[in-house]
């Protein structure tokens, strides 16, 4: 009786399809993930690196935190960004989310700046 069960188990193992047919769905899933998720993410990361490396003084940007401002100084890994008429922030280059079209930022002079008659930022 035990020989009967053992022989049927061997028969079932021998009847399974080839290994390639079993692995083909996994390969297909990986290819789909590559073209739908991995590749577009790599393109976006490359575009972001290029945008960060091309920043210049006077560019208008938005940070990852949502602060809108104008680049006033550029160092190796940090930027000085003017976010209001008398307020500047020092942020990391990697914290830049995107560049904005020129003319997006419009600072209004504060009352202290009017009293001192400071020049209006460009």
N, C-alpha and C. Protein backbone atom coordinates (compact mmCIF):
# COMPACT_ATOMS: atom_id res chain seq x y z
N UNK A 1 0.82 -1.18 0.00
CA UNK A 1 0.00 0.00 0.00
C UNK A 1 0.87 1.25 0.00
N UNK A 2 1.96 1.25 0.72
CA UNK A 2 2.84 2.40 0.71
C UNK A 2 3.51 2.57 -0.64
N UNK A 3 3.80 1.52 -1.34
CA UNK A 3 4.38 1.63 -2.67
C UNK A 3 3.42 2.31 -3.64
N UNK A 4 2.16 2.08 -3.42
CA UNK A 4 1.16 2.70 -4.28
C UNK A 4 1.20 4.22 -4.15
N UNK A 5 1.28 4.78 -2.93
CA UNK A 5 1.30 6.22 -2.72
C UNK A 5 2.61 6.83 -3.20
N UNK A 6 3.70 6.15 -3.02
CA UNK A 6 5.00 6.67 -3.43
C UNK A 6 5.07 6.76 -4.96
N UNK A 7 4.62 5.74 -5.64
CA UNK A 7 4.68 5.77 -7.10
C UNK A 7 3.79 6.87 -7.67
N UNK A 8 2.63 7.13 -7.06
CA UNK A 8 1.77 8.19 -7.58
C UNK A 8 2.40 9.56 -7.32
N UNK A 9 3.10 9.72 -6.21
CA UNK A 9 3.76 10.98 -5.94
C UNK A 9 4.86 11.23 -6.97
N UNK A 10 5.60 10.21 -7.30
CA UNK A 10 6.65 10.36 -8.32
C UNK A 10 6.03 10.66 -9.68
N UNK A 11 4.92 10.11 -9.94
CA UNK A 11 4.27 10.33 -11.23
C UNK A 11 3.79 11.78 -11.33
N UNK A 12 3.25 12.31 -10.26
CA UNK A 12 2.79 13.70 -10.29
C UNK A 12 3.96 14.66 -10.44
N UNK A 13 5.06 14.38 -9.79
CA UNK A 13 6.23 15.25 -9.90
C UNK A 13 6.78 15.22 -11.31
N UNK A 14 6.72 14.10 -11.96
CA UNK A 14 7.24 13.98 -13.32
C UNK A 14 6.34 14.61 -14.35
N UNK A 15 5.08 14.77 -14.05
CA UNK A 15 4.13 15.31 -15.01
C UNK A 15 4.12 16.84 -15.04
N UNK A 16 4.78 17.51 -14.10
CA UNK A 16 4.75 18.97 -14.09
C UNK A 16 5.46 19.51 -15.32
N UNK A 17 5.07 20.74 -15.74
CA UNK A 17 5.63 21.36 -16.95
C UNK A 17 7.09 21.75 -16.76
N UNK A 18 7.66 22.28 -17.80
CA UNK A 18 9.06 22.67 -17.72
C UNK A 18 9.24 23.87 -16.79
N UNK A 19 10.44 24.11 -16.31
CA UNK A 19 10.73 25.20 -15.38
C UNK A 19 10.51 26.56 -16.01
N UNK A 20 10.73 26.67 -17.33
CA UNK A 20 10.57 27.96 -18.00
C UNK A 20 9.12 28.43 -17.99
N UNK A 21 8.20 27.52 -18.16
CA UNK A 21 6.78 27.87 -18.14
C UNK A 21 6.39 28.38 -16.75
N UNK A 22 6.95 27.81 -15.71
CA UNK A 22 6.66 28.23 -14.35
C UNK A 22 7.25 29.59 -14.02
N UNK A 23 8.39 29.91 -14.60
CA UNK A 23 9.09 31.18 -14.30
C UNK A 23 8.64 32.31 -15.23
N UNK A 24 8.03 31.99 -16.35
CA UNK A 24 7.62 32.99 -17.34
C UNK A 24 6.70 34.07 -16.75
N UNK A 25 5.70 33.75 -15.93
CA UNK A 25 4.86 34.81 -15.35
C UNK A 25 5.67 35.79 -14.48
N UNK A 26 6.64 35.28 -13.74
CA UNK A 26 7.47 36.16 -12.91
C UNK A 26 8.30 37.11 -13.78
N UNK A 27 8.83 36.61 -14.86
CA UNK A 27 9.61 37.45 -15.78
C UNK A 27 8.70 38.51 -16.40
N UNK A 28 7.51 38.11 -16.80
CA UNK A 28 6.55 39.03 -17.39
C UNK A 28 6.15 40.13 -16.39
N UNK A 29 5.93 39.78 -15.13
CA UNK A 29 5.59 40.77 -14.11
C UNK A 29 6.75 41.75 -13.91
N UNK A 30 7.98 41.25 -13.88
CA UNK A 30 9.13 42.13 -13.72
C UNK A 30 9.24 43.11 -14.89
N UNK A 31 9.03 42.65 -16.11
CA UNK A 31 9.10 43.53 -17.28
C UNK A 31 8.03 44.62 -17.20
N UNK A 32 6.83 44.25 -16.81
CA UNK A 32 5.75 45.23 -16.68
C UNK A 32 6.10 46.25 -15.60
N UNK A 33 6.59 45.81 -14.45
CA UNK A 33 6.99 46.73 -13.39
C UNK A 33 8.10 47.66 -13.85
N UNK A 34 9.04 47.12 -14.62
CA UNK A 34 10.15 47.95 -15.08
C UNK A 34 9.64 49.10 -15.95
N UNK A 35 8.79 48.80 -16.92
CA UNK A 35 8.33 49.83 -17.84
C UNK A 35 7.27 50.76 -17.25
N UNK A 36 6.50 50.30 -16.27
CA UNK A 36 5.45 51.14 -15.69
C UNK A 36 5.89 51.89 -14.43
N UNK A 37 6.87 51.36 -13.69
CA UNK A 37 7.25 52.00 -12.44
C UNK A 37 8.71 52.42 -12.38
N UNK A 38 9.61 51.51 -12.64
CA UNK A 38 11.04 51.78 -12.43
C UNK A 38 11.57 52.79 -13.43
N UNK A 39 11.36 52.56 -14.70
CA UNK A 39 11.90 53.44 -15.74
C UNK A 39 11.38 54.88 -15.64
N UNK A 40 10.07 55.11 -15.49
CA UNK A 40 9.60 56.50 -15.34
C UNK A 40 10.18 57.18 -14.10
N UNK A 41 10.35 56.45 -13.00
CA UNK A 41 10.92 57.03 -11.80
C UNK A 41 12.38 57.43 -12.03
N UNK A 42 13.12 56.62 -12.75
CA UNK A 42 14.51 56.96 -13.07
C UNK A 42 14.58 58.20 -13.95
N UNK A 43 13.65 58.34 -14.89
CA UNK A 43 13.61 59.53 -15.76
C UNK A 43 13.33 60.78 -14.94
N UNK A 44 12.35 60.70 -14.02
CA UNK A 44 12.04 61.85 -13.18
C UNK A 44 13.22 62.23 -12.29
N UNK A 45 13.91 61.25 -11.75
CA UNK A 45 15.08 61.53 -10.90
C UNK A 45 16.18 62.19 -11.72
N UNK A 46 16.39 61.76 -12.94
CA UNK A 46 17.41 62.37 -13.80
C UNK A 46 17.03 63.81 -14.14
N UNK A 47 15.77 64.07 -14.46
CA UNK A 47 15.32 65.43 -14.75
C UNK A 47 15.48 66.33 -13.54
N UNK A 48 15.21 65.81 -12.34
CA UNK A 48 15.34 66.60 -11.12
C UNK A 48 16.81 66.94 -10.87
N UNK A 49 17.71 65.98 -11.06
CA UNK A 49 19.15 66.25 -10.90
C UNK A 49 19.62 67.31 -11.88
N UNK A 50 19.17 67.24 -13.13
CA UNK A 50 19.55 68.23 -14.13
C UNK A 50 19.00 69.61 -13.77
N UNK A 51 17.75 69.66 -13.27
CA UNK A 51 17.15 70.94 -12.88
C UNK A 51 17.92 71.55 -11.72
N UNK A 52 18.28 70.77 -10.74
CA UNK A 52 19.02 71.28 -9.58
C UNK A 52 20.40 71.77 -9.99
N UNK A 53 21.06 71.06 -10.88
CA UNK A 53 22.40 71.47 -11.29
C UNK A 53 22.37 72.72 -12.18
N UNK A 54 21.24 73.02 -12.81
CA UNK A 54 21.17 74.18 -13.70
C UNK A 54 20.62 75.43 -13.00
N UNK A 55 20.39 75.38 -11.68
CA UNK A 55 19.87 76.55 -10.97
C UNK A 55 20.84 77.71 -11.03
N UNK A 56 20.31 78.91 -11.17
CA UNK A 56 21.11 80.13 -11.22
C UNK A 56 20.49 81.17 -10.29
N UNK A 57 21.29 82.16 -9.92
CA UNK A 57 20.78 83.25 -9.10
C UNK A 57 19.68 83.97 -9.87
N UNK A 58 18.56 84.22 -9.21
CA UNK A 58 17.44 84.89 -9.84
C UNK A 58 16.34 83.94 -10.28
N UNK A 59 16.61 82.63 -10.28
CA UNK A 59 15.56 81.67 -10.64
C UNK A 59 14.50 81.63 -9.56
N UNK A 60 13.27 81.44 -9.96
CA UNK A 60 12.16 81.32 -9.03
C UNK A 60 11.86 79.84 -8.84
N UNK A 61 11.78 79.43 -7.56
CA UNK A 61 11.65 78.01 -7.24
C UNK A 61 10.57 77.78 -6.19
N UNK A 62 10.19 76.52 -6.05
CA UNK A 62 9.31 76.06 -4.98
C UNK A 62 10.04 74.95 -4.27
N UNK A 63 10.07 75.00 -2.93
CA UNK A 63 10.72 73.95 -2.16
C UNK A 63 9.76 72.79 -1.93
N UNK A 64 10.29 71.68 -1.43
CA UNK A 64 9.44 70.54 -1.11
C UNK A 64 8.43 70.88 -0.02
N UNK A 65 8.75 71.86 0.81
CA UNK A 65 7.83 72.28 1.86
C UNK A 65 6.77 73.26 1.37
N UNK A 66 6.88 73.71 0.12
CA UNK A 66 5.89 74.60 -0.46
C UNK A 66 6.26 76.06 -0.42
N UNK A 67 7.47 76.39 0.03
CA UNK A 67 7.89 77.79 0.07
C UNK A 67 8.27 78.25 -1.33
N UNK A 68 7.71 79.37 -1.75
CA UNK A 68 7.97 79.97 -3.05
C UNK A 68 8.98 81.09 -2.86
N UNK A 69 10.02 81.11 -3.67
CA UNK A 69 11.02 82.15 -3.50
C UNK A 69 11.94 82.30 -4.68
N UNK A 70 12.90 83.22 -4.52
CA UNK A 70 13.88 83.54 -5.56
C UNK A 70 15.26 83.17 -5.03
N UNK A 71 16.05 82.49 -5.86
CA UNK A 71 17.41 82.10 -5.48
C UNK A 71 18.26 83.36 -5.45
N UNK A 72 18.89 83.62 -4.30
CA UNK A 72 19.74 84.81 -4.15
C UNK A 72 21.22 84.47 -4.10
N UNK A 73 21.59 83.28 -3.63
CA UNK A 73 22.99 82.87 -3.58
C UNK A 73 23.06 81.36 -3.71
N UNK A 74 24.13 80.89 -4.34
CA UNK A 74 24.31 79.46 -4.56
C UNK A 74 25.66 79.04 -3.99
N UNK A 75 25.64 78.02 -3.14
CA UNK A 75 26.85 77.41 -2.62
C UNK A 75 26.88 75.98 -3.12
N UNK A 76 27.80 75.17 -2.62
CA UNK A 76 27.92 73.80 -3.09
C UNK A 76 26.64 73.00 -2.91
N UNK A 77 26.21 72.84 -1.66
CA UNK A 77 25.02 72.04 -1.38
C UNK A 77 23.84 72.85 -0.88
N UNK A 78 24.02 74.16 -0.72
CA UNK A 78 22.98 74.99 -0.15
C UNK A 78 22.67 76.18 -1.04
N UNK A 79 21.44 76.67 -0.93
CA UNK A 79 20.99 77.86 -1.64
C UNK A 79 20.42 78.84 -0.62
N UNK A 80 20.59 80.12 -0.90
CA UNK A 80 19.90 81.13 -0.12
C UNK A 80 18.72 81.58 -0.97
N UNK A 81 17.53 81.42 -0.41
CA UNK A 81 16.30 81.71 -1.14
C UNK A 81 15.54 82.81 -0.42
N UNK A 82 15.18 83.85 -1.16
CA UNK A 82 14.38 84.93 -0.60
C UNK A 82 12.91 84.54 -0.74
N UNK A 83 12.22 84.48 0.42
CA UNK A 83 10.82 84.07 0.41
C UNK A 83 9.86 85.21 0.71
N UNK A 84 10.39 86.35 1.18
CA UNK A 84 9.59 87.55 1.42
C UNK A 84 10.52 88.74 1.25
N UNK A 85 9.99 89.96 1.40
CA UNK A 85 10.79 91.13 1.10
C UNK A 85 12.04 91.23 1.96
N UNK A 86 12.01 90.78 3.18
CA UNK A 86 13.20 90.84 4.04
C UNK A 86 13.51 89.49 4.68
N UNK A 87 13.06 88.41 4.09
CA UNK A 87 13.24 87.08 4.68
C UNK A 87 13.97 86.18 3.69
N UNK A 88 15.09 85.62 4.14
CA UNK A 88 15.84 84.67 3.32
C UNK A 88 16.01 83.38 4.08
N UNK A 89 15.94 82.27 3.38
CA UNK A 89 16.14 80.95 3.96
C UNK A 89 17.34 80.29 3.31
N UNK A 90 18.06 79.52 4.09
CA UNK A 90 19.16 78.73 3.54
C UNK A 90 18.67 77.29 3.49
N UNK A 91 18.59 76.73 2.29
CA UNK A 91 18.05 75.38 2.13
C UNK A 91 19.01 74.52 1.32
N UNK A 92 18.83 73.22 1.42
CA UNK A 92 19.63 72.29 0.63
C UNK A 92 19.13 72.27 -0.80
N UNK A 93 20.05 71.99 -1.71
CA UNK A 93 19.67 71.90 -3.13
C UNK A 93 18.61 70.82 -3.34
N UNK A 94 18.75 69.72 -2.63
CA UNK A 94 17.82 68.61 -2.83
C UNK A 94 16.40 68.94 -2.37
N UNK A 95 16.21 70.04 -1.62
CA UNK A 95 14.88 70.43 -1.14
C UNK A 95 14.10 71.22 -2.18
N UNK A 96 14.68 71.43 -3.36
CA UNK A 96 13.99 72.15 -4.43
C UNK A 96 13.05 71.18 -5.14
N UNK A 97 11.78 71.53 -5.20
CA UNK A 97 10.80 70.68 -5.86
C UNK A 97 10.74 70.97 -7.35
N UNK A 98 10.65 72.27 -7.72
CA UNK A 98 10.57 72.62 -9.14
C UNK A 98 10.88 74.08 -9.34
N UNK A 99 11.18 74.43 -10.57
CA UNK A 99 11.39 75.82 -10.95
C UNK A 99 10.06 76.38 -11.44
N UNK A 100 9.85 77.65 -11.17
CA UNK A 100 8.62 78.31 -11.58
C UNK A 100 8.93 79.27 -12.72
N UNK A 101 7.92 79.62 -13.52
CA UNK A 101 8.14 80.61 -14.57
C UNK A 101 8.49 81.97 -13.97
N UNK A 102 9.30 82.73 -14.68
CA UNK A 102 9.69 84.06 -14.21
C UNK A 102 8.44 84.93 -14.04
N UNK A 103 8.41 85.71 -12.97
CA UNK A 103 7.27 86.58 -12.70
C UNK A 103 6.26 85.97 -11.76
N UNK A 104 6.48 84.73 -11.33
CA UNK A 104 5.55 84.08 -10.41
C UNK A 104 5.62 84.72 -9.03
N UNK A 105 6.85 85.02 -8.58
CA UNK A 105 7.04 85.59 -7.25
C UNK A 105 6.89 87.10 -7.33
N UNK A 106 6.07 87.66 -6.44
CA UNK A 106 5.86 89.10 -6.40
C UNK A 106 5.83 89.51 -4.93
N UNK A 107 6.94 90.06 -4.43
CA UNK A 107 7.02 90.47 -3.04
C UNK A 107 6.48 91.88 -2.90
N UNK A 108 5.73 92.09 -1.84
CA UNK A 108 5.26 93.43 -1.51
C UNK A 108 6.19 93.97 -0.45
N UNK A 109 6.51 95.26 -0.54
CA UNK A 109 7.39 95.87 0.44
C UNK A 109 6.68 95.97 1.78
N UNK A 110 7.41 95.58 2.84
CA UNK A 110 6.84 95.69 4.17
C UNK A 110 6.87 97.15 4.62
N UNK A 111 6.18 97.46 5.71
CA UNK A 111 6.15 98.84 6.20
C UNK A 111 7.53 99.27 6.66
N UNK A 112 8.33 98.36 7.24
CA UNK A 112 9.68 98.70 7.67
C UNK A 112 10.54 99.04 6.45
N UNK A 113 10.37 98.31 5.37
CA UNK A 113 11.15 98.57 4.17
C UNK A 113 10.74 99.90 3.55
N UNK A 114 9.44 100.26 3.66
CA UNK A 114 9.00 101.53 3.12
C UNK A 114 9.60 102.69 3.91
N UNK A 115 9.68 102.53 5.24
CA UNK A 115 10.26 103.58 6.07
C UNK A 115 11.75 103.75 5.78
N UNK A 116 12.44 102.62 5.55
CA UNK A 116 13.88 102.68 5.26
C UNK A 116 14.13 103.01 3.79
N UNK A 117 13.10 102.94 3.00
CA UNK A 117 13.16 103.16 1.56
C UNK A 117 14.17 102.22 0.91
N UNK A 118 14.01 100.91 1.25
CA UNK A 118 14.86 99.89 0.66
C UNK A 118 14.40 99.62 -0.77
N UNK A 119 15.31 99.25 -1.63
CA UNK A 119 14.91 98.97 -3.01
C UNK A 119 14.03 97.72 -3.07
N UNK A 120 13.07 97.73 -3.94
CA UNK A 120 12.18 96.61 -4.16
C UNK A 120 12.95 95.50 -4.88
N UNK A 121 12.87 94.25 -4.41
CA UNK A 121 13.56 93.16 -5.11
C UNK A 121 12.97 92.97 -6.51
N UNK A 122 13.82 92.50 -7.40
CA UNK A 122 13.39 92.29 -8.79
C UNK A 122 12.41 91.18 -8.91
